[in-house]
Protein backbone atom coordinates (compact mmCIF):
# COMPACT_ATOMS: atom_id res chain seq x y z
CA MET A 1 0.00 0.00 0.00
CA SER A 2 2.95 2.33 0.50
CA GLY A 3 3.11 3.10 -3.20
CA ASP A 4 -0.41 4.47 -3.38
CA LEU A 5 -1.17 8.21 -3.79
CA THR A 6 -2.52 10.00 -0.82
CA VAL A 7 -5.77 11.86 -0.88
CA ALA A 8 -4.01 15.22 -1.22
CA ASP A 9 -2.41 13.95 -4.40
CA ARG A 10 -5.77 13.07 -6.04
CA PRO A 11 -7.27 15.14 -9.03
CA GLY A 12 -9.97 17.38 -8.01
CA SER A 13 -12.43 16.05 -10.45
CA PHE A 14 -15.05 13.23 -10.69
CA ASP A 15 -12.37 11.26 -12.39
CA GLY A 16 -10.55 11.03 -9.13
CA VAL A 17 -13.15 8.98 -7.52
CA ILE A 18 -11.95 6.00 -9.76
CA ASP A 19 -8.48 6.40 -8.35
CA ILE A 20 -9.77 6.63 -4.77
CA ARG A 21 -12.08 3.74 -5.03
CA ALA A 22 -9.35 1.53 -6.35
CA SER A 23 -6.81 2.60 -3.73
CA VAL A 24 -9.26 2.09 -0.76
CA HIS A 25 -10.52 -1.44 -2.27
CA ARG A 26 -6.94 -2.56 -1.94
CA LEU A 27 -6.67 -1.31 1.54
CA ALA A 28 -9.98 -3.04 2.40
CA LYS A 29 -8.80 -6.16 0.90
CA GLU A 30 -5.25 -6.39 2.04
CA VAL A 31 -5.49 -4.68 5.40
CA LEU A 32 -8.98 -4.19 6.78
CA ARG A 33 -10.60 -7.65 5.95
CA PRO A 34 -7.72 -9.81 7.39
CA ALA A 35 -7.19 -7.29 10.47
CA ALA A 36 -11.14 -7.67 11.18
CA LEU A 37 -11.07 -11.40 10.92
CA LYS A 38 -8.16 -11.72 13.22
CA LEU A 39 -9.63 -9.25 15.74
CA ASP A 40 -13.15 -10.76 15.77
CA PRO A 41 -12.46 -13.65 18.10
CA LEU A 42 -10.36 -11.60 20.59
CA ASN A 43 -11.35 -10.29 23.98
CA PRO A 44 -12.32 -6.65 23.38
CA LYS A 45 -9.37 -5.59 25.79
CA ASP A 46 -7.10 -7.50 23.57
CA VAL A 47 -8.42 -5.71 20.38
CA VAL A 48 -7.13 -2.32 21.70
CA GLN A 49 -3.76 -3.52 23.13
CA GLU A 50 -0.50 -2.31 21.67
CA GLY A 51 0.63 -4.65 18.88
CA SER A 52 -3.00 -5.30 17.92
CA SER A 53 -3.87 -5.26 14.19
CA LEU A 54 -6.31 -2.49 15.08
CA TRP A 55 -3.39 -0.04 15.20
CA GLU A 56 -2.05 -1.24 11.71
CA VAL A 57 -5.41 -0.33 10.32
CA PHE A 58 -5.39 3.07 11.87
CA GLU A 59 -1.74 3.77 10.93
CA GLN A 60 -2.27 2.80 7.23
CA TRP A 61 -5.55 5.01 7.04
CA TYR A 62 -3.65 8.01 8.40
CA GLU A 63 -0.37 7.37 6.66
CA LEU A 64 -2.21 7.35 3.19
CA GLY A 65 -3.97 10.56 4.25
CA PHE A 66 -7.55 9.31 4.11
CA HIS A 67 -8.48 10.78 7.34
CA THR A 68 -8.05 14.21 5.98
CA MET A 69 -10.53 13.74 3.21
CA PHE A 70 -12.96 16.40 4.65
CA LYS A 71 -10.23 18.99 3.94
CA ASP A 72 -8.42 17.87 0.97
CA LEU A 73 -11.01 16.67 -1.45
CA ASP A 74 -12.53 19.21 -3.74
CA PRO A 75 -16.14 20.07 -2.69
CA SER A 76 -17.27 19.45 -6.22
CA PHE A 77 -16.84 15.77 -5.96
CA GLY A 78 -16.02 15.25 -2.30
CA GLN A 79 -19.55 13.88 -1.44
CA MET A 80 -19.32 11.21 -4.29
CA ALA A 81 -15.65 10.30 -3.27
CA ALA A 82 -16.72 9.83 0.47
CA SER A 83 -19.49 7.48 -0.52
CA ALA A 84 -17.15 5.44 -2.73
CA VAL A 85 -14.72 5.40 0.02
CA TYR A 86 -17.11 4.12 2.77
CA PHE A 87 -18.65 1.71 0.41
CA GLU A 88 -15.24 0.09 -0.15
CA LEU A 89 -14.34 0.07 3.58
CA GLY A 90 -17.65 -1.47 4.30
CA TRP A 91 -16.90 -4.15 1.81
CA GLY A 92 -13.62 -4.85 3.49
CA ALA A 93 -14.88 -4.78 7.26
CA ALA A 94 -18.06 -2.80 8.33
CA ASP A 95 -16.82 -2.68 11.93
CA LEU A 96 -13.35 -0.98 11.16
CA ALA A 97 -15.19 1.18 8.49
CA VAL A 98 -17.33 2.64 11.31
CA SER A 99 -14.38 3.23 13.65
CA LEU A 100 -12.37 4.91 10.82
CA GLY A 101 -15.55 7.11 9.90
CA VAL A 102 -16.21 8.26 13.36
CA SER A 103 -12.58 8.96 14.23
CA GLY A 104 -12.68 12.33 12.31
CA MET A 105 -16.09 13.72 13.59
CA PRO A 106 -14.77 16.27 16.17
CA PHE A 107 -12.26 17.63 13.83
CA GLN A 108 -14.60 17.84 10.77
CA VAL A 109 -17.08 19.91 12.96
CA VAL A 110 -14.41 22.29 14.11
CA GLU A 111 -13.21 22.74 10.56
CA MET A 112 -16.74 23.32 9.38
CA LEU A 113 -17.24 26.07 11.99
CA THR A 114 -14.00 27.73 11.24
CA ALA A 115 -15.05 28.23 7.54
CA PHE A 116 -18.01 30.06 9.01
CA THR A 117 -16.64 32.01 11.83
CA GLY A 118 -13.07 32.71 10.36
CA ASP A 119 -11.64 32.24 13.77
CA THR A 120 -8.65 29.75 13.32
CA ASN A 121 -7.61 29.57 16.89
CA LEU A 122 -9.54 26.48 17.87
CA ARG A 123 -8.68 24.88 14.51
CA ASP A 124 -5.05 25.15 15.13
CA GLU A 125 -5.43 23.78 18.56
CA ILE A 126 -7.74 20.88 17.67
CA VAL A 127 -7.55 20.17 13.99
CA THR A 128 -4.11 20.61 12.98
CA PRO A 129 -2.69 17.90 15.31
CA TYR A 130 -5.12 15.60 13.73
CA LEU A 131 -4.41 16.52 10.09
CA GLU A 132 -0.67 16.06 10.89
CA ASP A 133 -1.07 12.75 12.61
CA LYS A 134 0.44 9.99 10.61
CA THR A 135 0.26 7.20 13.21
CA GLY A 136 -3.42 7.07 13.93
CA ARG A 137 -3.34 8.14 17.57
CA VAL A 138 -5.51 11.39 17.29
CA ILE A 139 -8.86 9.79 17.26
CA GLY A 140 -12.30 11.09 17.59
CA CYS A 141 -15.61 9.80 18.83
CA TRP A 142 -19.18 10.89 18.66
CA ALA A 143 -20.33 10.86 22.23
CA ILE A 144 -24.18 11.12 22.23
CA THR A 145 -25.71 7.92 23.61
CA GLU A 146 -26.42 7.54 27.33
CA PRO A 147 -27.45 4.69 29.58
CA MET A 148 -31.07 6.05 29.64
CA HIS A 149 -31.07 7.81 26.26
CA GLY A 150 -30.40 6.36 22.89
CA SER A 151 -32.05 6.85 19.69
CA ASP A 152 -34.48 9.33 21.30
CA LEU A 153 -31.74 11.86 21.32
CA LEU A 154 -31.69 11.63 17.68
CA ALA A 155 -35.48 12.45 17.23
CA VAL A 156 -35.14 15.99 16.05
CA GLY A 157 -38.37 17.39 14.81
CA SER A 158 -40.45 14.98 16.96
CA SER A 159 -43.46 16.55 18.97
CA ASN A 160 -41.74 16.12 22.37
CA PHE A 161 -38.21 17.13 21.38
CA ASP A 162 -38.42 20.22 23.54
CA THR A 163 -40.09 18.65 26.64
CA PRO A 164 -38.07 18.27 29.92
CA ALA A 165 -38.44 14.45 29.89
CA THR A 166 -36.34 14.20 26.88
CA ALA A 167 -33.33 16.14 28.26
CA GLY A 168 -30.08 14.16 28.47
CA ALA A 169 -28.42 13.27 31.55
CA CYS A 170 -24.82 14.46 30.80
CA ARG A 171 -25.03 18.22 31.36
CA ALA A 172 -22.84 21.20 31.45
CA ARG A 173 -23.21 24.49 33.49
CA LYS A 174 -21.56 27.87 33.10
CA ASP A 175 -18.83 28.71 35.66
CA GLY A 176 -17.38 32.15 34.81
CA SER A 177 -15.91 31.89 31.34
CA ASP A 178 -15.59 28.06 31.52
CA TRP A 179 -18.17 25.28 31.50
CA ILE A 180 -18.11 22.22 33.95
CA ILE A 181 -19.39 18.95 32.52
CA ASN A 182 -20.91 16.10 34.57
CA GLY A 183 -22.38 12.89 33.58
CA GLN A 184 -21.93 9.75 31.58
CA LYS A 185 -22.03 8.51 28.00
CA SER A 186 -22.99 4.87 27.48
CA ALA A 187 -21.05 1.79 26.44
CA TRP A 188 -22.19 2.16 22.81
CA VAL A 189 -19.75 5.22 22.05
CA SER A 190 -17.78 4.03 19.03
CA ASN A 191 -14.02 4.51 19.57
CA GLY A 192 -15.05 5.38 23.16
CA THR A 193 -12.09 3.80 25.10
CA ILE A 194 -9.42 4.60 22.50
CA ALA A 195 -10.38 8.20 21.41
CA SER A 196 -8.35 11.22 22.30
CA HIS A 197 -11.12 13.69 21.46
CA ALA A 198 -14.97 13.63 21.81
CA LEU A 199 -17.59 15.37 19.87
CA LEU A 200 -19.75 15.61 22.95
CA PHE A 201 -23.42 16.09 22.78
CA LEU A 202 -24.71 17.33 26.14
CA ASN A 203 -27.51 19.34 27.75
CA VAL A 204 -27.26 22.84 29.02
CA ASP A 205 -30.97 23.77 29.25
CA PRO A 206 -32.91 20.87 30.56
CA ASP A 207 -36.07 22.90 30.79
CA HIS A 208 -36.18 22.61 26.92
CA GLY A 209 -35.52 18.99 26.79
CA ALA A 210 -33.43 17.56 24.12
CA ALA A 211 -33.66 20.84 22.26
CA GLY A 212 -31.64 22.42 25.03
CA GLY A 213 -28.75 20.60 23.86
CA ALA A 214 -25.17 21.68 23.07
CA VAL A 215 -22.00 20.44 21.44
CA ALA A 216 -18.53 20.46 22.89
CA VAL A 217 -15.18 19.34 21.50
CA VAL A 218 -13.54 17.77 24.51
CA PRO A 219 -10.04 16.31 24.80
CA LEU A 220 -10.36 13.23 26.70
CA ASN A 221 -7.07 13.71 28.61
CA LEU A 222 -8.69 16.42 30.66
CA PRO A 223 -8.76 16.03 34.63
CA GLY A 224 -12.16 14.26 35.52
CA VAL A 225 -12.50 12.19 32.34
CA SER A 226 -12.48 8.43 32.82
CA LYS A 227 -13.45 5.52 30.55
CA GLY A 228 -14.95 2.14 31.07
CA ALA A 229 -13.84 -1.16 29.71
CA PRO A 230 -14.18 -2.00 25.98
CA LEU A 231 -17.68 -3.43 25.26
CA ASP A 232 -18.04 -7.24 24.53
CA LYS A 233 -20.82 -7.70 21.92
CA LEU A 234 -22.28 -9.90 19.30
CA GLY A 235 -21.07 -8.25 16.15
CA GLN A 236 -18.74 -5.51 14.96
CA ARG A 237 -16.31 -6.74 17.51
CA ALA A 238 -13.22 -4.83 15.84
CA LEU A 239 -15.16 -1.62 16.48
CA ASN A 240 -14.10 -0.35 19.90
CA GLN A 241 -16.91 0.90 22.11
CA GLY A 242 -17.16 1.91 25.68
CA GLU A 243 -18.48 4.23 28.45
CA ILE A 244 -17.05 7.74 28.97
CA PHE A 245 -17.47 9.43 32.34
CA PHE A 246 -17.31 13.23 33.12
CA ASP A 247 -16.63 14.29 36.74
CA ASP A 248 -16.40 18.02 37.05
CA VAL A 249 -14.58 18.31 33.77
CA ARG A 250 -13.81 22.01 33.14
CA ILE A 251 -13.55 23.10 29.60
CA PRO A 252 -12.81 26.69 28.21
CA GLU A 253 -15.68 28.54 26.59
CA ARG A 254 -14.36 28.10 23.18
CA TYR A 255 -14.61 24.35 23.41
CA MET A 256 -18.55 24.74 23.67
CA VAL A 257 -18.84 25.07 19.91
CA ILE A 258 -22.61 24.92 19.50
CA GLY A 259 -25.34 26.21 21.70
CA PRO A 260 -29.12 25.41 21.95
CA GLU A 261 -29.96 28.00 19.37
CA LEU A 262 -28.22 26.00 16.67
CA TYR A 263 -28.39 22.72 18.27
CA SER A 264 -31.21 21.12 16.42
CA MET A 265 -30.00 22.25 12.89
CA VAL A 266 -26.47 20.84 13.71
CA LEU A 267 -27.92 17.66 14.94
CA SER A 268 -29.75 17.10 11.72
CA MET A 269 -26.49 17.84 9.89
CA VAL A 270 -24.48 15.41 11.79
CA LEU A 271 -27.24 12.73 11.74
CA GLY A 272 -27.45 13.13 7.90
CA THR A 273 -23.72 12.93 7.61
CA ALA A 274 -23.67 9.71 9.85
CA ASN A 275 -26.40 7.96 8.27
CA SER A 276 -25.12 8.71 4.79
CA GLY A 277 -21.87 7.09 5.87
CA MET A 278 -23.70 4.16 7.39
CA GLY A 279 -25.70 3.65 4.21
CA SER A 280 -22.45 3.47 2.06
CA ILE A 281 -20.70 1.21 4.55
CA PHE A 282 -23.45 -1.36 4.72
CA ALA A 283 -24.17 -1.15 1.08
CA GLY A 284 -20.61 -2.42 1.00
CA LEU A 285 -21.26 -5.06 3.31
CA ALA A 286 -24.35 -6.28 1.30
CA ARG A 287 -22.12 -6.43 -1.66
CA ALA A 288 -19.38 -8.35 0.08
CA SER A 289 -21.92 -11.00 1.35
CA TYR A 290 -23.05 -11.39 -2.23
CA ASP A 291 -19.50 -11.75 -3.46
CA GLU A 292 -18.75 -14.39 -0.83
CA ALA A 293 -21.82 -16.42 -1.76
CA LEU A 294 -21.33 -16.08 -5.41
CA GLN A 295 -17.70 -17.27 -5.15
CA TYR A 296 -18.70 -20.25 -2.84
CA ALA A 297 -21.47 -21.35 -5.22
CA LEU A 298 -18.96 -21.58 -8.09
CA GLU A 299 -16.65 -23.64 -6.06
CA ARG A 300 -18.84 -25.89 -3.98
CA GLU A 301 -20.00 -29.02 -5.66
CA GLN A 302 -23.24 -30.90 -4.86
CA GLY A 303 -24.97 -33.57 -7.13
CA GLY A 304 -21.85 -33.77 -9.38
CA ARG A 305 -21.78 -30.24 -10.27
CA PRO A 306 -21.19 -26.64 -8.63
CA ILE A 307 -24.16 -25.41 -6.82
CA ALA A 308 -24.17 -22.32 -8.88
CA GLN A 309 -25.75 -24.56 -11.73
CA HIS A 310 -28.79 -25.33 -9.65
CA GLN A 311 -31.74 -23.11 -10.42
CA LEU A 312 -32.72 -22.50 -6.76
CA VAL A 313 -29.14 -21.24 -5.98
CA GLN A 314 -29.32 -19.18 -9.03
CA GLY A 315 -32.55 -17.53 -8.06
CA LYS A 316 -31.12 -16.73 -4.54
CA LEU A 317 -27.95 -15.26 -5.93
CA PHE A 318 -29.82 -12.98 -8.12
CA ASP A 319 -32.08 -11.79 -5.39
CA MET A 320 -29.12 -11.07 -3.29
CA PHE A 321 -27.48 -9.09 -6.22
CA MET A 322 -30.67 -6.95 -6.70
CA LYS A 323 -30.82 -5.99 -3.03
CA ALA A 324 -27.05 -5.25 -2.90
CA GLU A 325 -27.20 -3.01 -5.91
CA GLN A 326 -30.48 -1.31 -4.70
CA ALA A 327 -28.50 -0.45 -1.53
CA ARG A 328 -25.66 0.88 -3.31
CA ALA A 329 -27.83 3.07 -5.72
CA GLN A 330 -29.70 4.63 -2.75
CA SER A 331 -26.28 5.46 -1.16
CA GLU A 332 -24.92 6.96 -4.34
CA LEU A 333 -28.38 8.99 -4.82
CA THR A 334 -27.90 10.31 -1.30
CA SER A 335 -24.35 11.62 -2.15
CA ARG A 336 -25.65 13.30 -5.32
CA VAL A 337 -28.35 15.04 -3.50
CA ALA A 338 -26.01 16.19 -0.74
CA LEU A 339 -23.71 17.50 -3.73
CA GLU A 340 -26.58 19.31 -5.10
CA GLN A 341 -27.76 20.90 -1.89
CA GLY A 342 -24.40 21.53 -0.33
CA MET A 343 -25.39 19.44 2.58
CA PRO A 344 -26.75 16.06 3.60
CA SER A 345 -30.57 15.60 2.95
CA LEU A 346 -31.70 13.94 6.21
CA PRO A 347 -34.57 11.95 4.68
CA HIS A 348 -32.34 10.66 1.90
CA ALA A 349 -29.53 9.80 4.31
CA ILE A 350 -32.01 7.85 6.53
CA ALA A 351 -33.57 6.12 3.54
CA SER A 352 -29.88 5.09 2.64
CA LYS A 353 -29.19 3.72 6.07
CA VAL A 354 -32.30 1.93 6.46
CA THR A 355 -32.23 0.39 3.00
CA SER A 356 -28.50 -0.62 3.26
CA THR A 357 -28.72 -2.17 6.72
CA ARG A 358 -31.81 -4.14 5.84
CA ALA A 359 -29.91 -5.35 2.64
CA ALA A 360 -26.78 -6.24 4.51
CA PHE A 361 -28.83 -8.12 7.08
CA GLU A 362 -31.01 -9.99 4.31
CA VAL A 363 -28.11 -10.74 1.81
CA SER A 364 -25.80 -12.01 4.65
CA SER A 365 -28.39 -14.21 5.84
CA ASP A 366 -29.10 -15.57 2.35
CA ALA A 367 -25.36 -16.04 1.88
CA ILE A 368 -25.20 -18.27 5.08
CA GLN A 369 -28.08 -20.33 3.37
CA VAL A 370 -26.04 -20.88 0.18
CA PHE A 371 -22.98 -21.66 2.34
CA GLY A 372 -25.08 -24.31 4.30
CA GLY A 373 -23.62 -25.46 7.52
CA VAL A 374 -20.19 -24.09 6.72
CA GLY A 375 -21.66 -20.58 6.85
CA LEU A 376 -22.33 -21.10 10.48
CA ALA A 377 -18.73 -21.89 11.52
CA LYS A 378 -16.47 -19.31 13.14
CA GLY A 379 -13.86 -17.99 11.22
CA VAL A 380 -15.87 -17.99 8.05
CA ALA A 381 -16.22 -14.43 6.84
CA ILE A 382 -19.87 -14.73 5.98
CA GLU A 383 -20.69 -15.79 9.76
CA LYS A 384 -19.04 -12.54 10.99
CA PHE A 385 -20.78 -10.36 8.17
CA PHE A 386 -24.25 -11.67 9.46
CA ARG A 387 -23.35 -10.61 13.08
CA ASP A 388 -21.87 -7.24 11.87
CA ALA A 389 -25.19 -6.66 9.85
CA ARG A 390 -27.46 -7.32 12.65
CA ALA A 391 -25.83 -4.66 14.74
CA SER A 392 -26.32 -2.09 11.93
CA LEU A 393 -30.21 -2.18 12.43
CA ILE A 394 -29.73 -0.50 15.71
CA GLU A 395 -26.63 1.58 15.71
CA ASP A 396 -26.56 5.28 14.81
CA GLY A 397 -30.32 5.26 15.45
CA VAL A 398 -32.65 2.32 15.50
CA ASN A 399 -34.20 1.84 12.10
CA GLU A 400 -37.84 2.26 13.15
CA LEU A 401 -37.36 5.54 14.89
CA LEU A 402 -35.04 7.03 12.12
CA MET A 403 -37.93 6.39 9.63
CA LEU A 404 -40.30 8.31 11.95
CA VAL A 405 -37.74 11.14 11.94
CA GLY A 406 -37.45 11.05 8.12
CA ALA A 407 -41.25 11.11 7.83
CA GLN A 408 -41.39 14.26 10.18
CA HIS A 409 -39.04 16.12 7.91
CA LEU A 410 -40.93 15.11 4.78
CA LEU A 411 -44.09 16.37 6.30
CA GLN A 412 -42.39 19.65 7.24
CA GLN A 413 -41.09 20.14 3.73
CA ALA A 414 -44.57 19.50 2.38
CA LYS A 415 -46.16 22.33 4.33
């Protein structure tokens, strides 16, 4: 991989998407897929230990400069390129794709705000070390989920979003020119125990419920920050997740980057970006599941010939192909709409996330059927794909609630 061009070297045109896709596909095939299969059976604490394959993945990603895509890519094709990149990462390993995708969130938000405000001080302090990192140790996380609040914190636009009962429990209060943070983020924070920085969604005005939220960028080496153990879970086991605790954590005012007046808008933007990425990643996983089943059907013989020659298997393979391609088409449509509008369309992003995660789950399940008993064995890629796909129906907003959020936005647009 060392001979590949970095992102900054890519041409600033749609032709560059082809080069980027090819480069990321090699990374996914040669680095992510083998690493994820190696990490999957490990104890979660061992996944994040020094010498783990996890760090090889991060080092390769950062060394090639893909972590700086949000800054280096020409806006005229950045959305399309990002969709292609996350599709290929999802094809390689969905769990590591999510980890790499989340790792840039705090820095992307600060970069975006700098473009609006023109104030480069926070950018120099927070973003520059991330952009200059070539070892993969400046890592972000999106800290929004809480022990008693999950997908409900994403329900922007819902009828009770501004009622006190919906207020998150992780809160900040003003103390002079500083903010003091107290509370907990749940064990489902992606990159939670390995992150150096959090994009922290918290509450500063509980009387206005979830709408009284705010967003802070918090270095996680500050006094009062502690972390729980890495979460042990069914699928996406190479994705580190874990709790973060805040005990009188003091941050300067400049770290509180979004207040309640812009919170709902920013939440919609972040959710749209996250769901767009999830749509691309799990469209990639759906395609990977189809690819695995197709290859196995060509090689496995039953009744004196490859099972691919049996009509029932052919019908199943084509059904899988259709679902995978529909997911990819929805993902690419979402990126095109974002390009046209200059920002993600939340209904399109949610449609992509729901379509792709459903496809990934159904296609990986059908692939196991093609494999037969072999598909249930540990160490076989498709068995891992199935577990990874099941988790996707819940993460970054459970699909059922996301569809209601999307419907609310469609109804508002129709008024």
